[in-house]
Amino acid sequence: MVYTKYKFTLQDIAIFLLLADFSHQLENEMLSDLFEVHNQEIVWNYRQNFIHFRSSVKHYIAVYELNDYDYAEAKLIMKELGSSEFDQKQPDYFGAYFKQVKLHLLYSGADYRKMKLRTLLKDFGYQRRNTVLMDNMNRAIYSLGLQTYLRNYEPCNIADIKLDQIVMIRLKP
């Protein structure tokens, strides 16, 4: 298995497309741009063939659009067929969250995403920070090519700022 912690998986892309609610044409343009321009950021198995990449992403979109009963049935069928793509042992919440932020910055037209550090911690279910949590967040942010800034566009480390300060996340220049 190829190490994919900070690469865009098909699931990440499908979830982004579902949340973004792009038209069919914009979806295809986004997938084409992602494949051509950001190919090195896609998991290895899908970098060679655009048709295979696009159809696999569309497959996940279709699966995620299922209702709960149909999803449970599809998961059971995939398990019987021996596919383990639905079962992740230890999901990487930080990587998944910041991959969605990066896709949002790349394809929504926004230059930054801003929030209070307290809100960011709350998104992960934390009220207080600790060094392990901040190290994991920083590792995900920097591995994905993102940068954190304070309001005056001064770069910052999220471990060093106050909880009520607003942090902006941008793509690294």
N, C-alpha and C. Protein backbone atom coordinates (compact mmCIF):
# COMPACT_ATOMS: atom_id res chain seq x y z
N MET A 1 0.85 -1.19 0.00
CA MET A 1 0.00 0.00 0.00
C MET A 1 0.89 1.24 0.00
N VAL A 2 0.60 2.16 -0.87
CA VAL A 2 1.36 3.39 -0.98
C VAL A 2 0.92 4.34 0.14
N TYR A 3 1.89 5.01 0.76
CA TYR A 3 1.60 5.95 1.84
C TYR A 3 0.85 7.15 1.28
N THR A 4 -0.37 7.38 1.76
CA THR A 4 -1.22 8.41 1.17
C THR A 4 -1.73 9.42 2.19
N LYS A 5 -1.08 9.54 3.31
CA LYS A 5 -1.61 10.38 4.38
C LYS A 5 -1.88 11.81 3.93
N TYR A 6 -0.98 12.39 3.16
CA TYR A 6 -1.15 13.78 2.74
C TYR A 6 -1.31 13.91 1.23
N LYS A 7 -1.80 12.87 0.58
CA LYS A 7 -2.15 12.91 -0.84
C LYS A 7 -3.67 12.92 -0.94
N PHE A 8 -4.18 13.52 -2.01
CA PHE A 8 -5.62 13.53 -2.21
C PHE A 8 -6.09 12.14 -2.59
N THR A 9 -6.99 11.59 -1.79
CA THR A 9 -7.59 10.30 -2.12
C THR A 9 -8.87 10.55 -2.90
N LEU A 10 -9.38 9.50 -3.50
CA LEU A 10 -10.64 9.63 -4.24
C LEU A 10 -11.77 10.05 -3.32
N GLN A 11 -11.74 9.56 -2.09
CA GLN A 11 -12.77 9.92 -1.13
C GLN A 11 -12.72 11.40 -0.80
N ASP A 12 -11.52 11.95 -0.61
CA ASP A 12 -11.38 13.39 -0.32
C ASP A 12 -11.97 14.23 -1.45
N ILE A 13 -11.66 13.85 -2.66
CA ILE A 13 -12.12 14.61 -3.83
C ILE A 13 -13.63 14.49 -3.98
N ALA A 14 -14.16 13.29 -3.79
CA ALA A 14 -15.62 13.08 -3.91
C ALA A 14 -16.37 13.88 -2.85
N ILE A 15 -15.88 13.88 -1.63
CA ILE A 15 -16.53 14.64 -0.56
C ILE A 15 -16.50 16.13 -0.87
N PHE A 16 -15.36 16.62 -1.36
CA PHE A 16 -15.27 18.03 -1.72
C PHE A 16 -16.28 18.38 -2.81
N LEU A 17 -16.38 17.54 -3.84
CA LEU A 17 -17.31 17.82 -4.93
C LEU A 17 -18.76 17.78 -4.46
N LEU A 18 -19.08 16.87 -3.57
CA LEU A 18 -20.44 16.84 -3.02
C LEU A 18 -20.76 18.10 -2.23
N LEU A 19 -19.81 18.54 -1.42
CA LEU A 19 -20.04 19.73 -0.60
C LEU A 19 -20.04 21.01 -1.43
N ALA A 20 -19.22 21.04 -2.48
CA ALA A 20 -19.12 22.24 -3.31
C ALA A 20 -20.33 22.40 -4.21
N ASP A 21 -20.98 21.29 -4.55
CA ASP A 21 -22.18 21.31 -5.39
C ASP A 21 -21.93 22.04 -6.72
N PHE A 22 -20.83 21.68 -7.37
CA PHE A 22 -20.49 22.23 -8.68
C PHE A 22 -21.42 21.66 -9.75
N SER A 23 -21.53 22.37 -10.87
CA SER A 23 -22.25 21.82 -12.01
C SER A 23 -21.39 20.69 -12.60
N HIS A 24 -21.99 19.90 -13.46
CA HIS A 24 -21.28 18.77 -14.07
C HIS A 24 -20.04 19.26 -14.83
N GLN A 25 -20.19 20.37 -15.55
CA GLN A 25 -19.08 20.91 -16.32
C GLN A 25 -17.94 21.39 -15.40
N LEU A 26 -18.28 22.08 -14.32
CA LEU A 26 -17.26 22.54 -13.38
C LEU A 26 -16.57 21.37 -12.67
N GLU A 27 -17.34 20.32 -12.37
CA GLU A 27 -16.74 19.12 -11.78
C GLU A 27 -15.69 18.55 -12.71
N ASN A 28 -16.04 18.42 -13.98
CA ASN A 28 -15.09 17.86 -14.95
C ASN A 28 -13.87 18.75 -15.13
N GLU A 29 -14.06 20.07 -15.14
CA GLU A 29 -12.93 21.00 -15.26
C GLU A 29 -12.03 20.90 -14.03
N MET A 30 -12.65 20.81 -12.86
CA MET A 30 -11.87 20.70 -11.62
C MET A 30 -11.07 19.40 -11.61
N LEU A 31 -11.70 18.29 -11.99
CA LEU A 31 -11.00 17.00 -12.02
C LEU A 31 -9.87 17.02 -13.04
N SER A 32 -10.12 17.64 -14.19
CA SER A 32 -9.08 17.74 -15.21
C SER A 32 -7.91 18.57 -14.72
N ASP A 33 -8.20 19.70 -14.10
CA ASP A 33 -7.14 20.56 -13.57
C ASP A 33 -6.36 19.86 -12.46
N LEU A 34 -7.07 19.20 -11.59
CA LEU A 34 -6.41 18.48 -10.50
C LEU A 34 -5.49 17.40 -11.06
N PHE A 35 -5.95 16.69 -12.09
CA PHE A 35 -5.15 15.63 -12.69
C PHE A 35 -3.93 16.18 -13.43
N GLU A 36 -4.11 17.27 -14.14
CA GLU A 36 -3.01 17.81 -14.96
C GLU A 36 -2.03 18.67 -14.15
N VAL A 37 -2.54 19.53 -13.29
CA VAL A 37 -1.69 20.50 -12.59
C VAL A 37 -1.18 19.97 -11.25
N HIS A 38 -2.02 19.26 -10.53
CA HIS A 38 -1.67 18.80 -9.18
C HIS A 38 -1.56 17.28 -9.13
N ASN A 39 -1.07 16.69 -10.19
CA ASN A 39 -1.00 15.23 -10.31
C ASN A 39 -0.17 14.60 -9.20
N GLN A 40 0.90 15.24 -8.79
CA GLN A 40 1.77 14.67 -7.75
C GLN A 40 1.11 14.65 -6.38
N GLU A 41 -0.01 15.35 -6.23
CA GLU A 41 -0.71 15.38 -4.95
C GLU A 41 -1.84 14.36 -4.88
N ILE A 42 -2.04 13.58 -5.94
CA ILE A 42 -3.06 12.53 -5.99
C ILE A 42 -2.39 11.22 -5.60
N VAL A 43 -3.16 10.32 -4.99
CA VAL A 43 -2.58 9.01 -4.63
C VAL A 43 -2.03 8.34 -5.88
N TRP A 44 -0.98 7.58 -5.71
CA TRP A 44 -0.20 7.02 -6.82
C TRP A 44 -1.04 6.22 -7.81
N ASN A 45 -1.96 5.39 -7.34
CA ASN A 45 -2.70 4.47 -8.21
C ASN A 45 -3.53 5.18 -9.29
N TYR A 46 -3.79 6.46 -9.14
CA TYR A 46 -4.69 7.17 -10.06
C TYR A 46 -4.00 8.30 -10.81
N ARG A 47 -2.68 8.34 -10.84
CA ARG A 47 -1.96 9.41 -11.51
C ARG A 47 -1.75 9.18 -12.99
N GLN A 48 -1.87 7.95 -13.47
CA GLN A 48 -1.51 7.64 -14.85
C GLN A 48 -2.65 7.81 -15.84
N ASN A 49 -3.88 7.51 -15.46
CA ASN A 49 -4.98 7.45 -16.41
C ASN A 49 -6.12 8.35 -15.94
N PHE A 50 -6.39 9.42 -16.69
CA PHE A 50 -7.41 10.38 -16.29
C PHE A 50 -8.81 9.76 -16.30
N ILE A 51 -9.10 8.93 -17.28
CA ILE A 51 -10.43 8.31 -17.36
C ILE A 51 -10.68 7.44 -16.13
N HIS A 52 -9.70 6.66 -15.75
CA HIS A 52 -9.82 5.82 -14.56
C HIS A 52 -9.97 6.67 -13.30
N PHE A 53 -9.21 7.74 -13.22
CA PHE A 53 -9.29 8.67 -12.09
C PHE A 53 -10.69 9.28 -11.99
N ARG A 54 -11.18 9.83 -13.10
CA ARG A 54 -12.49 10.49 -13.10
C ARG A 54 -13.61 9.51 -12.78
N SER A 55 -13.59 8.34 -13.39
CA SER A 55 -14.66 7.37 -13.14
C SER A 55 -14.63 6.87 -11.70
N SER A 56 -13.46 6.73 -11.12
CA SER A 56 -13.37 6.29 -9.72
C SER A 56 -13.90 7.36 -8.77
N VAL A 57 -13.61 8.62 -9.05
CA VAL A 57 -14.16 9.70 -8.22
C VAL A 57 -15.68 9.73 -8.35
N LYS A 58 -16.19 9.58 -9.56
CA LYS A 58 -17.64 9.57 -9.78
C LYS A 58 -18.29 8.39 -9.05
N HIS A 59 -17.58 7.26 -8.99
CA HIS A 59 -18.09 6.10 -8.26
C HIS A 59 -18.28 6.46 -6.79
N TYR A 60 -17.30 7.11 -6.19
CA TYR A 60 -17.43 7.49 -4.78
C TYR A 60 -18.52 8.53 -4.57
N ILE A 61 -18.68 9.43 -5.50
CA ILE A 61 -19.77 10.40 -5.39
C ILE A 61 -21.10 9.66 -5.36
N ALA A 62 -21.26 8.67 -6.23
CA ALA A 62 -22.50 7.89 -6.27
C ALA A 62 -22.71 7.14 -4.95
N VAL A 63 -21.65 6.58 -4.40
CA VAL A 63 -21.76 5.85 -3.13
C VAL A 63 -22.15 6.81 -2.00
N TYR A 64 -21.54 7.98 -1.96
CA TYR A 64 -21.82 8.93 -0.89
C TYR A 64 -23.21 9.55 -1.01
N GLU A 65 -23.80 9.50 -2.18
CA GLU A 65 -25.15 10.03 -2.35
C GLU A 65 -26.23 9.04 -1.95
N LEU A 66 -25.84 7.81 -1.61
CA LEU A 66 -26.80 6.80 -1.19
C LEU A 66 -27.40 7.15 0.16
N ASN A 67 -28.62 6.67 0.40
CA ASN A 67 -29.19 6.85 1.73
C ASN A 67 -28.55 5.83 2.68
N ASP A 68 -28.88 5.90 3.96
CA ASP A 68 -28.22 5.06 4.96
C ASP A 68 -28.38 3.56 4.68
N TYR A 69 -29.58 3.14 4.29
CA TYR A 69 -29.81 1.72 4.03
C TYR A 69 -29.00 1.25 2.83
N ASP A 70 -29.04 2.03 1.74
CA ASP A 70 -28.28 1.65 0.55
C ASP A 70 -26.78 1.68 0.80
N TYR A 71 -26.33 2.63 1.62
CA TYR A 71 -24.90 2.71 1.94
C TYR A 71 -24.45 1.49 2.73
N ALA A 72 -25.26 1.08 3.71
CA ALA A 72 -24.92 -0.11 4.50
C ALA A 72 -24.87 -1.34 3.61
N GLU A 73 -25.80 -1.43 2.68
CA GLU A 73 -25.81 -2.57 1.75
C GLU A 73 -24.59 -2.54 0.83
N ALA A 74 -24.24 -1.36 0.32
CA ALA A 74 -23.06 -1.25 -0.54
C ALA A 74 -21.79 -1.59 0.23
N LYS A 75 -21.72 -1.17 1.48
CA LYS A 75 -20.55 -1.49 2.32
C LYS A 75 -20.44 -3.00 2.53
N LEU A 76 -21.59 -3.66 2.75
CA LEU A 76 -21.59 -5.10 2.93
C LEU A 76 -21.16 -5.82 1.65
N ILE A 77 -21.64 -5.36 0.52
CA ILE A 77 -21.26 -5.97 -0.76
C ILE A 77 -19.77 -5.80 -1.00
N MET A 78 -19.24 -4.60 -0.74
CA MET A 78 -17.82 -4.36 -0.94
C MET A 78 -16.99 -5.22 0.00
N LYS A 79 -17.47 -5.42 1.22
CA LYS A 79 -16.75 -6.26 2.17
C LYS A 79 -16.73 -7.72 1.69
N GLU A 80 -17.87 -8.19 1.15
CA GLU A 80 -17.94 -9.56 0.63
C GLU A 80 -17.03 -9.75 -0.58
N LEU A 81 -16.87 -8.69 -1.37
CA LEU A 81 -16.00 -8.77 -2.54
C LEU A 81 -14.53 -8.65 -2.17
N GLY A 82 -14.26 -8.33 -0.92
CA GLY A 82 -12.87 -8.24 -0.46
C GLY A 82 -12.28 -6.87 -0.58
N SER A 83 -13.07 -5.85 -0.83
CA SER A 83 -12.55 -4.49 -0.92
C SER A 83 -12.45 -3.92 0.48
N SER A 84 -11.31 -3.32 0.77
CA SER A 84 -11.11 -2.74 2.10
C SER A 84 -11.13 -1.22 2.05
N GLU A 85 -11.54 -0.63 0.95
CA GLU A 85 -11.51 0.83 0.84
C GLU A 85 -12.50 1.51 1.77
N PHE A 86 -13.54 0.80 2.19
CA PHE A 86 -14.52 1.40 3.08
C PHE A 86 -14.10 1.34 4.54
N ASP A 87 -13.16 0.49 4.85
CA ASP A 87 -12.77 0.28 6.23
C ASP A 87 -11.38 0.85 6.48
N GLN A 88 -11.33 1.99 7.14
CA GLN A 88 -10.04 2.56 7.52
C GLN A 88 -9.83 2.26 8.99
N LYS A 89 -8.65 1.81 9.34
CA LYS A 89 -8.37 1.45 10.72
C LYS A 89 -8.28 2.68 11.62
N GLN A 90 -7.48 3.64 11.26
CA GLN A 90 -7.29 4.83 12.06
C GLN A 90 -7.41 6.04 11.14
N PRO A 91 -8.58 6.64 11.05
CA PRO A 91 -8.71 7.78 10.15
C PRO A 91 -7.87 8.97 10.61
N ASP A 92 -7.32 9.68 9.65
CA ASP A 92 -6.52 10.86 9.94
C ASP A 92 -7.41 12.08 9.79
N TYR A 93 -7.99 12.51 10.90
CA TYR A 93 -8.93 13.62 10.86
C TYR A 93 -8.27 14.93 10.47
N PHE A 94 -7.05 15.14 10.93
CA PHE A 94 -6.36 16.38 10.61
C PHE A 94 -6.05 16.45 9.12
N GLY A 95 -5.51 15.37 8.58
CA GLY A 95 -5.20 15.33 7.15
C GLY A 95 -6.44 15.52 6.31
N ALA A 96 -7.53 14.82 6.66
CA ALA A 96 -8.78 14.92 5.90
C ALA A 96 -9.34 16.34 5.96
N TYR A 97 -9.32 16.94 7.13
CA TYR A 97 -9.86 18.30 7.30
C TYR A 97 -9.08 19.30 6.47
N PHE A 98 -7.76 19.25 6.57
CA PHE A 98 -6.95 20.24 5.87
C PHE A 98 -6.85 19.94 4.37
N LYS A 99 -7.09 18.70 3.94
CA LYS A 99 -7.18 18.41 2.50
C LYS A 99 -8.43 19.09 1.93
N GLN A 100 -9.53 19.08 2.70
CA GLN A 100 -10.74 19.77 2.26
C GLN A 100 -10.50 21.28 2.18
N VAL A 101 -9.76 21.81 3.15
CA VAL A 101 -9.42 23.24 3.13
C VAL A 101 -8.60 23.56 1.88
N LYS A 102 -7.62 22.72 1.58
CA LYS A 102 -6.76 22.97 0.41
C LYS A 102 -7.57 22.90 -0.88
N LEU A 103 -8.42 21.89 -1.02
CA LEU A 103 -9.26 21.81 -2.22
C LEU A 103 -10.17 23.03 -2.33
N HIS A 104 -10.69 23.49 -1.20
CA HIS A 104 -11.53 24.69 -1.19
C HIS A 104 -10.74 25.90 -1.68
N LEU A 105 -9.52 26.04 -1.22
CA LEU A 105 -8.69 27.17 -1.64
C LEU A 105 -8.30 27.07 -3.11
N LEU A 106 -8.08 25.86 -3.59
CA LEU A 106 -7.67 25.68 -4.98
C LEU A 106 -8.82 25.93 -5.96
N TYR A 107 -10.04 25.53 -5.60
CA TYR A 107 -11.11 25.49 -6.60
C TYR A 107 -12.36 26.31 -6.28
N SER A 108 -12.40 27.02 -5.18
CA SER A 108 -13.59 27.82 -4.91
C SER A 108 -13.42 29.28 -5.26
N GLY A 109 -12.20 29.69 -5.53
CA GLY A 109 -11.95 31.10 -5.83
C GLY A 109 -11.58 31.89 -4.58
N ALA A 110 -11.64 31.27 -3.41
CA ALA A 110 -11.27 31.96 -2.17
C ALA A 110 -9.76 31.97 -2.03
N ASP A 111 -9.23 33.06 -1.48
CA ASP A 111 -7.79 33.18 -1.27
C ASP A 111 -7.36 32.64 0.09
N TYR A 112 -8.30 32.60 1.03
CA TYR A 112 -7.97 32.17 2.37
C TYR A 112 -9.21 31.61 3.06
N ARG A 113 -8.97 30.93 4.15
CA ARG A 113 -10.03 30.45 5.02
C ARG A 113 -9.70 30.95 6.40
N LYS A 114 -10.60 31.68 7.04
CA LYS A 114 -10.26 32.23 8.35
C LYS A 114 -11.24 31.75 9.41
N MET A 115 -10.69 31.60 10.62
CA MET A 115 -11.49 31.17 11.76
C MET A 115 -10.70 31.42 13.03
N LYS A 116 -11.39 31.43 14.14
CA LYS A 116 -10.69 31.52 15.41
C LYS A 116 -10.06 30.16 15.71
N LEU A 117 -8.96 30.19 16.40
CA LEU A 117 -8.31 28.95 16.79
C LEU A 117 -9.24 28.10 17.64
N ARG A 118 -10.04 28.75 18.48
CA ARG A 118 -11.01 28.03 19.32
C ARG A 118 -12.00 27.25 18.45
N THR A 119 -12.45 27.85 17.36
CA THR A 119 -13.38 27.18 16.45
C THR A 119 -12.72 26.01 15.76
N LEU A 120 -11.47 26.18 15.38
CA LEU A 120 -10.72 25.10 14.75
C LEU A 120 -10.59 23.92 15.71
N LEU A 121 -10.28 24.19 16.95
CA LEU A 121 -10.18 23.12 17.95
C LEU A 121 -11.53 22.45 18.17
N LYS A 122 -12.59 23.26 18.17
CA LYS A 122 -13.93 22.73 18.37
C LYS A 122 -14.34 21.81 17.21
N ASP A 123 -13.88 22.12 16.00
CA ASP A 123 -14.17 21.26 14.84
C ASP A 123 -13.63 19.85 15.04
N PHE A 124 -12.57 19.72 15.82
CA PHE A 124 -11.98 18.41 16.10
C PHE A 124 -12.45 17.83 17.42
N GLY A 125 -13.34 18.54 18.13
CA GLY A 125 -13.88 18.05 19.38
C GLY A 125 -13.03 18.37 20.60
N TYR A 126 -12.15 19.34 20.49
CA TYR A 126 -11.29 19.72 21.61
C TYR A 126 -11.69 21.09 22.13
N GLN A 127 -11.50 21.31 23.43
CA GLN A 127 -11.72 22.63 24.00
C GLN A 127 -10.40 23.29 24.38
N ARG A 128 -9.42 22.46 24.64
CA ARG A 128 -8.10 22.97 25.00
C ARG A 128 -7.07 22.35 24.07
N ARG A 129 -5.95 23.01 23.98
CA ARG A 129 -4.90 22.47 23.12
C ARG A 129 -3.81 21.83 23.95
N ASN A 130 -3.12 20.93 23.30
CA ASN A 130 -1.94 20.33 23.92
C ASN A 130 -0.88 20.20 22.83
N THR A 131 0.32 19.86 23.22
CA THR A 131 1.43 19.85 22.25
C THR A 131 1.25 18.79 21.17
N VAL A 132 0.72 17.63 21.53
CA VAL A 132 0.53 16.57 20.54
C VAL A 132 -0.51 17.01 19.50
N LEU A 133 -1.60 17.59 19.95
CA LEU A 133 -2.64 18.08 19.06
C LEU A 133 -2.09 19.14 18.12
N MET A 134 -1.37 20.12 18.66
CA MET A 134 -0.82 21.19 17.83
C MET A 134 0.23 20.67 16.86
N ASP A 135 1.05 19.71 17.29
CA ASP A 135 2.04 19.12 16.40
C ASP A 135 1.37 18.40 15.23
N ASN A 136 0.30 17.65 15.53
CA ASN A 136 -0.42 16.95 14.46
C ASN A 136 -1.07 17.92 13.49
N MET A 137 -1.65 18.99 14.01
CA MET A 137 -2.26 20.00 13.14
C MET A 137 -1.21 20.67 12.27
N ASN A 138 -0.11 21.09 12.89
CA ASN A 138 0.95 21.75 12.14
C ASN A 138 1.54 20.83 11.08
N ARG A 139 1.71 19.57 11.41
CA ARG A 139 2.26 18.61 10.45
C ARG A 139 1.33 18.49 9.23
N ALA A 140 0.03 18.40 9.48
CA ALA A 140 -0.92 18.31 8.38
C ALA A 140 -0.93 19.58 7.54
N ILE A 141 -0.91 20.73 8.20
CA ILE A 141 -0.95 22.02 7.50
C ILE A 141 0.28 22.17 6.60
N TYR A 142 1.45 21.94 7.14
CA TYR A 142 2.67 22.17 6.38
C TYR A 142 2.91 21.08 5.34
N SER A 143 2.50 19.85 5.63
CA SER A 143 2.67 18.77 4.65
C SER A 143 1.79 18.97 3.42
N LEU A 144 0.67 19.65 3.59
CA LEU A 144 -0.23 19.89 2.47
C LEU A 144 0.08 21.19 1.73
N GLY A 145 1.10 21.89 2.14
CA GLY A 145 1.47 23.12 1.44
C GLY A 145 0.58 24.30 1.81
N LEU A 146 0.14 24.34 3.04
CA LEU A 146 -0.67 25.44 3.54
C LEU A 146 0.17 26.27 4.50
N GLN A 147 -0.27 27.49 4.74
CA GLN A 147 0.43 28.40 5.65
C GLN A 147 -0.60 29.11 6.50
N THR A 148 -0.31 29.31 7.78
CA THR A 148 -1.21 30.03 8.67
C THR A 148 -0.70 31.45 8.89
N TYR A 149 -1.64 32.38 8.94
CA TYR A 149 -1.33 33.80 9.13
C TYR A 149 -2.27 34.39 10.17
N LEU A 150 -1.81 35.48 10.79
CA LEU A 150 -2.68 36.28 11.63
C LEU A 150 -3.34 37.35 10.74
N ARG A 151 -4.15 38.20 11.34
CA ARG A 151 -4.90 39.19 10.56
C ARG A 151 -4.04 40.10 9.69
N ASN A 152 -2.88 40.47 10.14
CA ASN A 152 -2.03 41.40 9.39
C ASN A 152 -1.13 40.67 8.40
N TYR A 153 -1.52 39.50 8.00
CA TYR A 153 -0.76 38.67 7.04
C TYR A 153 0.64 38.35 7.53
N GLU A 154 0.80 38.25 8.84
CA GLU A 154 2.09 37.82 9.34
C GLU A 154 2.02 36.32 9.63
N PRO A 155 2.96 35.56 9.10
CA PRO A 155 2.95 34.11 9.30
C PRO A 155 3.01 33.77 10.79
N CYS A 156 2.33 32.70 11.17
CA CYS A 156 2.29 32.32 12.56
C CYS A 156 2.28 30.80 12.69
N ASN A 157 2.58 30.36 13.87
CA ASN A 157 2.46 28.96 14.22
C ASN A 157 1.23 28.85 15.11
N ILE A 158 0.29 27.99 14.78
CA ILE A 158 -0.96 27.94 15.54
C ILE A 158 -0.75 27.50 16.98
N ALA A 159 0.39 26.90 17.27
CA ALA A 159 0.68 26.49 18.65
C ALA A 159 1.02 27.68 19.53
N ASP A 160 1.40 28.80 18.91
CA ASP A 160 1.87 29.96 19.67
C ASP A 160 0.84 31.07 19.81
N ILE A 161 -0.31 30.97 19.18
CA ILE A 161 -1.28 32.06 19.23
C ILE A 161 -2.33 31.81 20.30
N LYS A 162 -3.06 32.86 20.65
CA LYS A 162 -4.12 32.75 21.65
C LYS A 162 -5.34 32.07 21.05
N LEU A 163 -6.17 31.50 21.90
CA LEU A 163 -7.35 30.76 21.43
C LEU A 163 -8.35 31.66 20.70
N ASP A 164 -8.46 32.91 21.10
CA ASP A 164 -9.44 33.81 20.48
C ASP A 164 -8.90 34.60 19.30
N GLN A 165 -7.67 34.35 18.91
CA GLN A 165 -7.12 35.03 17.74
C GLN A 165 -7.64 34.37 16.46
N ILE A 166 -7.82 35.20 15.45
CA ILE A 166 -8.28 34.69 14.15
C ILE A 166 -7.07 34.27 13.34
N VAL A 167 -7.13 33.06 12.83
CA VAL A 167 -6.06 32.52 12.02
C VAL A 167 -6.58 32.38 10.59
N MET A 168 -5.76 32.75 9.63
CA MET A 168 -6.10 32.60 8.21
C MET A 168 -5.22 31.49 7.64
N ILE A 169 -5.84 30.62 6.88
CA ILE A 169 -5.11 29.53 6.23
C ILE A 169 -5.08 29.84 4.74
N ARG A 170 -3.89 29.87 4.19
CA ARG A 170 -3.68 30.16 2.75
C ARG A 170 -2.79 29.09 2.15
N LEU A 171 -2.76 29.05 0.82
CA LEU A 171 -1.81 28.21 0.13
C LEU A 171 -0.43 28.83 0.27
N LYS A 172 0.59 28.00 0.41
CA LYS A 172 1.95 28.54 0.49
C LYS A 172 2.30 29.17 -0.86
N PRO A 173 2.95 30.33 -0.82
CA PRO A 173 3.31 31.00 -2.08
C PRO A 173 4.38 30.22 -2.83
